[in-house]
Amino acid sequence: MKHFLLFIILISELLFFSCRKGPQDPVISLRSRKTRLIGVWRASYLMINADDSLAEHFYSIDTTMNSFHGVLACNSENTFHISFYPDGKYLSEFHTDQNFNFHTDSIATDISYTIGVSHYTNGDWKFMGGNDGYKKKELLNLKSEKGEETFEIVELSHNKIQLRQSLLYPVTTTDTINYLMMSGGSVDGL
């Protein structure tokens, strides 16, 4: 009985530690990488072309508009969502809200308006790896009409994913995602 228990513990350790792909993946997961990836994700940190693309940007200028003197203030708020589907398709949305406020020095009414713009990308996703020093399914490839990007999966759990641009694969898109951290995750119904 003692040998059987030792054998079970040894097999369990081999299975649990050999299944871990990314350096920060959970040690034990009963879900496959594909199952953990499928779902809707919201970026909490997005670095595009070495710029924090989710940071709120604010600026103001002292100006005169239609003979009214005042301050024009603008701030932008950005969001990024990506949905991964079981059939190997994905849909991403980058949304920005530009808020403009013109505050006057006179008794005239202040002017405020918001412009919202969304950019959508459809494409195909697939796991890669098993060569070039990467484990199988340690890379995530996104291919769309805009180009192709390959990411190293740093962490993939049921509610968090971290992707880092892989330097071994060429980027063919104009806006290069350098690093991406998202929360959300696997949801039923996709």
C-alpha atoms as a PDB file:
ATOM      1  CA  MET A   1       0.000   0.000   0.000  1.00  0.00           C
ATOM      2  CA  LYS A   2       2.861   2.362   0.847  1.00  0.00           C
ATOM      3  CA  HIS A   3       4.450   1.811  -2.602  1.00  0.00           C
ATOM      4  CA  PHE A   4       1.119   2.366  -4.345  1.00  0.00           C
ATOM      5  CA  LEU A   5       0.590   5.685  -2.513  1.00  0.00           C
ATOM      6  CA  LEU A   6       4.149   6.790  -3.349  1.00  0.00           C
ATOM      7  CA  PHE A   7       3.543   5.855  -6.997  1.00  0.00           C
ATOM      8  CA  ILE A   8       0.309   7.938  -7.125  1.00  0.00           C
ATOM      9  CA  ILE A   9       2.057  10.959  -5.585  1.00  0.00           C
ATOM     10  CA  LEU A  10       4.936  10.685  -8.056  1.00  0.00           C
ATOM     11  CA  ILE A  11       2.604  10.414 -11.065  1.00  0.00           C
ATOM     12  CA  SER A  12       0.502  13.347  -9.789  1.00  0.00           C
ATOM     13  CA  GLU A  13       3.546  15.590  -9.456  1.00  0.00           C
ATOM     14  CA  LEU A  14       4.729  14.726 -12.959  1.00  0.00           C
ATOM     15  CA  LEU A  15       1.316  15.423 -14.457  1.00  0.00           C
ATOM     16  CA  PHE A  16       0.727  18.699 -12.624  1.00  0.00           C
ATOM     17  CA  PHE A  17       4.143  20.212 -13.256  1.00  0.00           C
ATOM     18  CA  SER A  18       4.450  19.056 -16.848  1.00  0.00           C
ATOM     19  CA  CYS A  19       1.091  20.633 -17.829  1.00  0.00           C
ATOM     20  CA  ARG A  20       2.152  24.148 -16.852  1.00  0.00           C
ATOM     21  CA  LYS A  21       2.979  26.112 -20.020  1.00  0.00           C
ATOM     22  CA  GLY A  22       3.452  29.787 -19.185  1.00  0.00           C
ATOM     23  CA  PRO A  23       5.819  30.934 -16.426  1.00  0.00           C
ATOM     24  CA  GLN A  24       2.928  32.331 -14.364  1.00  0.00           C
ATOM     25  CA  ASP A  25       0.241  29.790 -15.300  1.00  0.00           C
ATOM     26  CA  PRO A  26      -1.580  28.103 -12.430  1.00  0.00           C
ATOM     27  CA  VAL A  27       0.257  25.051 -11.118  1.00  0.00           C
ATOM     28  CA  ILE A  28      -2.944  23.026 -11.133  1.00  0.00           C
ATOM     29  CA  SER A  29      -5.756  23.592 -13.610  1.00  0.00           C
ATOM     30  CA  LEU A  30      -8.541  21.231 -14.581  1.00  0.00           C
ATOM     31  CA  ARG A  31      -9.263  23.361 -17.650  1.00  0.00           C
ATOM     32  CA  SER A  32      -7.325  23.158 -20.907  1.00  0.00           C
ATOM     33  CA  ARG A  33      -5.551  26.242 -22.238  1.00  0.00           C
ATOM     34  CA  LYS A  34      -8.186  26.545 -24.961  1.00  0.00           C
ATOM     35  CA  THR A  35     -10.999  26.414 -22.406  1.00  0.00           C
ATOM     36  CA  ARG A  36      -9.283  29.067 -20.289  1.00  0.00           C
ATOM     37  CA  LEU A  37      -8.769  31.326 -23.334  1.00  0.00           C
ATOM     38  CA  ILE A  38     -12.339  31.134 -24.690  1.00  0.00           C
ATOM     39  CA  GLY A  39     -14.370  34.087 -23.458  1.00  0.00           C
ATOM     40  CA  VAL A  40     -14.569  37.871 -23.329  1.00  0.00           C
ATOM     41  CA  TRP A  41     -11.562  39.716 -21.941  1.00  0.00           C
ATOM     42  CA  ARG A  42     -11.187  43.369 -20.941  1.00  0.00           C
ATOM     43  CA  ALA A  43      -7.732  44.905 -20.946  1.00  0.00           C
ATOM     44  CA  SER A  44      -6.551  46.434 -17.706  1.00  0.00           C
ATOM     45  CA  TYR A  45      -3.186  47.362 -19.246  1.00  0.00           C
ATOM     46  CA  LEU A  46      -2.414  47.752 -22.949  1.00  0.00           C
ATOM     47  CA  MET A  47       0.933  48.902 -24.333  1.00  0.00           C
ATOM     48  CA  ILE A  48       0.769  49.798 -28.059  1.00  0.00           C
ATOM     49  CA  ASN A  49       3.838  51.156 -29.826  1.00  0.00           C
ATOM     50  CA  ALA A  50       5.492  51.597 -26.399  1.00  0.00           C
ATOM     51  CA  ASP A  51       2.627  53.859 -25.190  1.00  0.00           C
ATOM     52  CA  ASP A  52       0.154  53.051 -22.398  1.00  0.00           C
ATOM     53  CA  SER A  53      -2.962  53.104 -24.559  1.00  0.00           C
ATOM     54  CA  LEU A  54      -5.478  52.806 -21.723  1.00  0.00           C
ATOM     55  CA  ALA A  55      -4.134  55.717 -19.695  1.00  0.00           C
ATOM     56  CA  GLU A  56      -6.464  58.691 -19.503  1.00  0.00           C
ATOM     57  CA  HIS A  57      -5.013  61.574 -21.463  1.00  0.00           C
ATOM     58  CA  PHE A  58      -5.869  65.175 -20.565  1.00  0.00           C
ATOM     59  CA  TYR A  59      -4.924  68.526 -22.019  1.00  0.00           C
ATOM     60  CA  SER A  60      -6.307  72.055 -21.998  1.00  0.00           C
ATOM     61  CA  ILE A  61      -5.645  75.228 -23.970  1.00  0.00           C
ATOM     62  CA  ASP A  62      -6.525  78.839 -23.341  1.00  0.00           C
ATOM     63  CA  THR A  63      -8.355  79.984 -26.474  1.00  0.00           C
ATOM     64  CA  THR A  64     -11.010  82.218 -28.004  1.00  0.00           C
ATOM     65  CA  MET A  65     -13.947  80.627 -29.780  1.00  0.00           C
ATOM     66  CA  ASN A  66     -16.539  82.779 -31.600  1.00  0.00           C
ATOM     67  CA  SER A  67     -15.413  85.871 -29.621  1.00  0.00           C
ATOM     68  CA  PHE A  68     -15.803  84.044 -26.277  1.00  0.00           C
ATOM     69  CA  HIS A  69     -12.624  83.622 -24.258  1.00  0.00           C
ATOM     70  CA  GLY A  70     -12.238  80.440 -22.236  1.00  0.00           C
ATOM     71  CA  VAL A  71     -10.451  77.153 -21.735  1.00  0.00           C
ATOM     72  CA  LEU A  72     -10.893  74.161 -24.006  1.00  0.00           C
ATOM     73  CA  ALA A  73     -10.287  70.952 -22.067  1.00  0.00           C
ATOM     74  CA  CYS A  74     -10.125  67.502 -23.582  1.00  0.00           C
ATOM     75  CA  ASN A  75      -9.701  64.121 -22.002  1.00  0.00           C
ATOM     76  CA  SER A  76      -9.866  60.672 -23.523  1.00  0.00           C
ATOM     77  CA  GLU A  77     -10.823  57.354 -21.998  1.00  0.00           C
ATOM     78  CA  ASN A  78      -9.957  54.152 -23.830  1.00  0.00           C
ATOM     79  CA  THR A  79     -11.093  50.544 -23.467  1.00  0.00           C
ATOM     80  CA  PHE A  80     -10.035  47.352 -25.208  1.00  0.00           C
ATOM     81  CA  HIS A  81     -12.011  44.084 -25.325  1.00  0.00           C
ATOM     82  CA  ILE A  82     -11.244  40.862 -27.131  1.00  0.00           C
ATOM     83  CA  SER A  83     -13.441  37.788 -27.482  1.00  0.00           C
ATOM     84  CA  PHE A  84     -11.929  34.406 -28.302  1.00  0.00           C
ATOM     85  CA  TYR A  85     -14.318  31.829 -29.796  1.00  0.00           C
ATOM     86  CA  PRO A  86     -13.996  28.013 -29.778  1.00  0.00           C
ATOM     87  CA  ASP A  87     -13.881  27.868 -33.602  1.00  0.00           C
ATOM     88  CA  GLY A  88     -10.550  29.754 -33.710  1.00  0.00           C
ATOM     89  CA  LYS A  89     -12.050  33.189 -34.448  1.00  0.00           C
ATOM     90  CA  TYR A  90     -11.611  36.364 -32.426  1.00  0.00           C
ATOM     91  CA  LEU A  91     -13.149  39.843 -32.333  1.00  0.00           C
ATOM     92  CA  SER A  92     -11.371  42.806 -30.744  1.00  0.00           C
ATOM     93  CA  GLU A  93     -12.707  46.283 -30.023  1.00  0.00           C
ATOM     94  CA  PHE A  94     -10.669  49.363 -29.163  1.00  0.00           C
ATOM     95  CA  HIS A  95     -13.015  52.138 -28.026  1.00  0.00           C
ATOM     96  CA  THR A  96     -12.137  55.728 -27.198  1.00  0.00           C
ATOM     97  CA  ASP A  97     -14.335  58.477 -25.776  1.00  0.00           C
ATOM     98  CA  GLN A  98     -13.065  62.022 -26.396  1.00  0.00           C
ATOM     99  CA  ASN A  99     -14.676  64.486 -23.974  1.00  0.00           C
ATOM    100  CA  PHE A 100     -14.476  68.170 -24.918  1.00  0.00           C
ATOM    101  CA  ASN A 101     -15.440  71.030 -22.602  1.00  0.00           C
ATOM    102  CA  PHE A 102     -15.239  74.731 -23.428  1.00  0.00           C
ATOM    103  CA  HIS A 103     -15.523  76.805 -20.256  1.00  0.00           C
ATOM    104  CA  THR A 104     -16.017  80.525 -20.869  1.00  0.00           C
ATOM    105  CA  ASP A 105     -15.137  83.538 -18.761  1.00  0.00           C
ATOM    106  CA  SER A 106     -18.473  85.174 -19.581  1.00  0.00           C
ATOM    107  CA  ILE A 107     -22.039  84.318 -18.622  1.00  0.00           C
ATOM    108  CA  ALA A 108     -22.523  82.371 -21.840  1.00  0.00           C
ATOM    109  CA  THR A 109     -23.312  78.670 -21.557  1.00  0.00           C
ATOM    110  CA  ASP A 110     -20.363  76.306 -21.425  1.00  0.00           C
ATOM    111  CA  ILE A 111     -20.161  73.804 -24.264  1.00  0.00           C
ATOM    112  CA  SER A 112     -19.546  70.099 -23.657  1.00  0.00           C
ATOM    113  CA  TYR A 113     -19.681  67.145 -25.992  1.00  0.00           C
ATOM    114  CA  THR A 114     -18.323  63.617 -26.298  1.00  0.00           C
ATOM    115  CA  ILE A 115     -17.243  61.739 -29.383  1.00  0.00           C
ATOM    116  CA  GLY A 116     -17.040  57.949 -29.154  1.00  0.00           C
ATOM    117  CA  VAL A 117     -15.130  55.932 -31.734  1.00  0.00           C
ATOM    118  CA  SER A 118     -14.699  52.155 -31.916  1.00  0.00           C
ATOM    119  CA  HIS A 119     -12.315  50.138 -34.055  1.00  0.00           C
ATOM    120  CA  TYR A 120     -13.134  46.460 -34.584  1.00  0.00           C
ATOM    121  CA  THR A 121     -10.868  43.687 -35.804  1.00  0.00           C
ATOM    122  CA  ASN A 122     -11.984  40.191 -36.811  1.00  0.00           C
ATOM    123  CA  GLY A 123      -9.506  37.409 -37.286  1.00  0.00           C
ATOM    124  CA  ASP A 124      -8.266  33.946 -36.477  1.00  0.00           C
ATOM    125  CA  TRP A 125      -6.364  32.792 -33.405  1.00  0.00           C
ATOM    126  CA  LYS A 126      -4.269  29.698 -32.831  1.00  0.00           C
ATOM    127  CA  PHE A 127      -1.826  28.351 -30.306  1.00  0.00           C
ATOM    128  CA  MET A 128       1.759  27.899 -31.452  1.00  0.00           C
ATOM    129  CA  GLY A 129       4.988  26.666 -29.939  1.00  0.00           C
ATOM    130  CA  GLY A 130       6.822  23.418 -29.623  1.00  0.00           C
ATOM    131  CA  ASN A 131       9.902  24.903 -31.302  1.00  0.00           C
ATOM    132  CA  ASP A 132      12.277  27.867 -31.009  1.00  0.00           C
ATOM    133  CA  GLY A 133      12.572  27.299 -27.257  1.00  0.00           C
ATOM    134  CA  TYR A 134       8.820  27.609 -26.608  1.00  0.00           C
ATOM    135  CA  LYS A 135       6.643  24.856 -25.186  1.00  0.00           C
ATOM    136  CA  LYS A 136       3.640  23.664 -27.171  1.00  0.00           C
ATOM    137  CA  LYS A 137       0.738  26.152 -26.823  1.00  0.00           C
ATOM    138  CA  GLU A 138       2.978  28.732 -25.162  1.00  0.00           C
ATOM    139  CA  LEU A 139       2.423  31.216 -28.012  1.00  0.00           C
ATOM    140  CA  LEU A 140      -0.797  32.830 -29.227  1.00  0.00           C
ATOM    141  CA  ASN A 141      -1.009  33.925 -32.867  1.00  0.00           C
ATOM    142  CA  LEU A 142      -3.588  36.515 -33.992  1.00  0.00           C
ATOM    143  CA  LYS A 143      -4.099  36.937 -37.729  1.00  0.00           C
ATOM    144  CA  SER A 144      -6.482  39.448 -39.318  1.00  0.00           C
ATOM    145  CA  GLU A 145      -6.838  41.579 -42.431  1.00  0.00           C
ATOM    146  CA  LYS A 146      -4.607  44.139 -40.650  1.00  0.00           C
ATOM    147  CA  GLY A 147      -1.718  41.683 -40.255  1.00  0.00           C
ATOM    148  CA  GLU A 148      -0.370  39.093 -37.877  1.00  0.00           C
ATOM    149  CA  GLU A 149       1.045  39.178 -34.353  1.00  0.00           C
ATOM    150  CA  THR A 150       2.405  36.402 -32.136  1.00  0.00           C
ATOM    151  CA  PHE A 151       2.449  36.697 -28.349  1.00  0.00           C
ATOM    152  CA  GLU A 152       4.128  34.748 -25.605  1.00  0.00           C
ATOM    153  CA  ILE A 153       1.497  33.710 -23.081  1.00  0.00           C
ATOM    154  CA  VAL A 154       3.011  34.788 -19.768  1.00  0.00           C
ATOM    155  CA  GLU A 155      -0.061  33.824 -17.741  1.00  0.00           C
ATOM    156  CA  LEU A 156      -3.379  32.208 -18.629  1.00  0.00           C
ATOM    157  CA  SER A 157      -5.825  31.413 -15.860  1.00  0.00           C
ATOM    158  CA  HIS A 158      -9.613  31.333 -15.867  1.00  0.00           C
ATOM    159  CA  ASN A 159      -9.839  35.074 -15.094  1.00  0.00           C
ATOM    160  CA  LYS A 160      -6.513  36.622 -16.106  1.00  0.00           C
ATOM    161  CA  ILE A 161      -4.272  36.617 -19.162  1.00  0.00           C
ATOM    162  CA  GLN A 162      -0.934  38.322 -19.768  1.00  0.00           C
ATOM    163  CA  LEU A 163       0.541  38.459 -23.263  1.00  0.00           C
ATOM    164  CA  ARG A 164       3.948  39.747 -24.310  1.00  0.00           C
ATOM    165  CA  GLN A 165       4.999  40.315 -27.904  1.00  0.00           C
ATOM    166  CA  SER A 166       7.229  37.499 -29.092  1.00  0.00           C
ATOM    167  CA  LEU A 167      10.446  38.846 -30.546  1.00  0.00           C
ATOM    168  CA  LEU A 168      11.083  35.670 -32.573  1.00  0.00           C
ATOM    169  CA  TYR A 169       8.148  36.243 -34.912  1.00  0.00           C
ATOM    170  CA  PRO A 170       7.812  39.283 -37.190  1.00  0.00           C
ATOM    171  CA  VAL A 171       4.961  41.713 -36.587  1.00  0.00           C
ATOM    172  CA  THR A 172       3.055  42.694 -39.701  1.00  0.00           C
ATOM    173  CA  THR A 173       0.581  45.149 -38.173  1.00  0.00           C
ATOM    174  CA  THR A 174       0.901  48.927 -38.041  1.00  0.00           C
ATOM    175  CA  ASP A 175      -0.019  49.223 -34.344  1.00  0.00           C
ATOM    176  CA  THR A 176       2.224  46.825 -32.458  1.00  0.00           C
ATOM    177  CA  ILE A 177       0.888  45.535 -29.142  1.00  0.00           C
ATOM    178  CA  ASN A 178       3.943  45.212 -26.901  1.00  0.00           C
ATOM    179  CA  TYR A 179       2.242  43.979 -23.736  1.00  0.00           C
ATOM    180  CA  LEU A 180      -1.335  43.201 -22.751  1.00  0.00           C
ATOM    181  CA  MET A 181      -2.883  42.288 -19.396  1.00  0.00           C
ATOM    182  CA  MET A 182      -6.582  41.393 -19.344  1.00  0.00           C
ATOM    183  CA  SER A 183      -9.202  40.256 -16.884  1.00  0.00           C
ATOM    184  CA  GLY A 184     -12.533  38.606 -17.497  1.00  0.00           C
ATOM    185  CA  GLY A 185     -12.188  35.220 -18.962  1.00  0.00           C
ATOM    186  CA  SER A 186     -14.013  32.098 -19.771  1.00  0.00           C
ATOM    187  CA  VAL A 187     -17.730  32.555 -20.131  1.00  0.00           C
ATOM    188  CA  ASP A 188     -20.469  30.203 -21.227  1.00  0.00           C
ATOM    189  CA  GLY A 189     -22.362  30.861 -24.407  1.00  0.00           C
ATOM    190  CA  LEU A 190     -19.538  31.800 -26.780  1.00  0.00           C
END
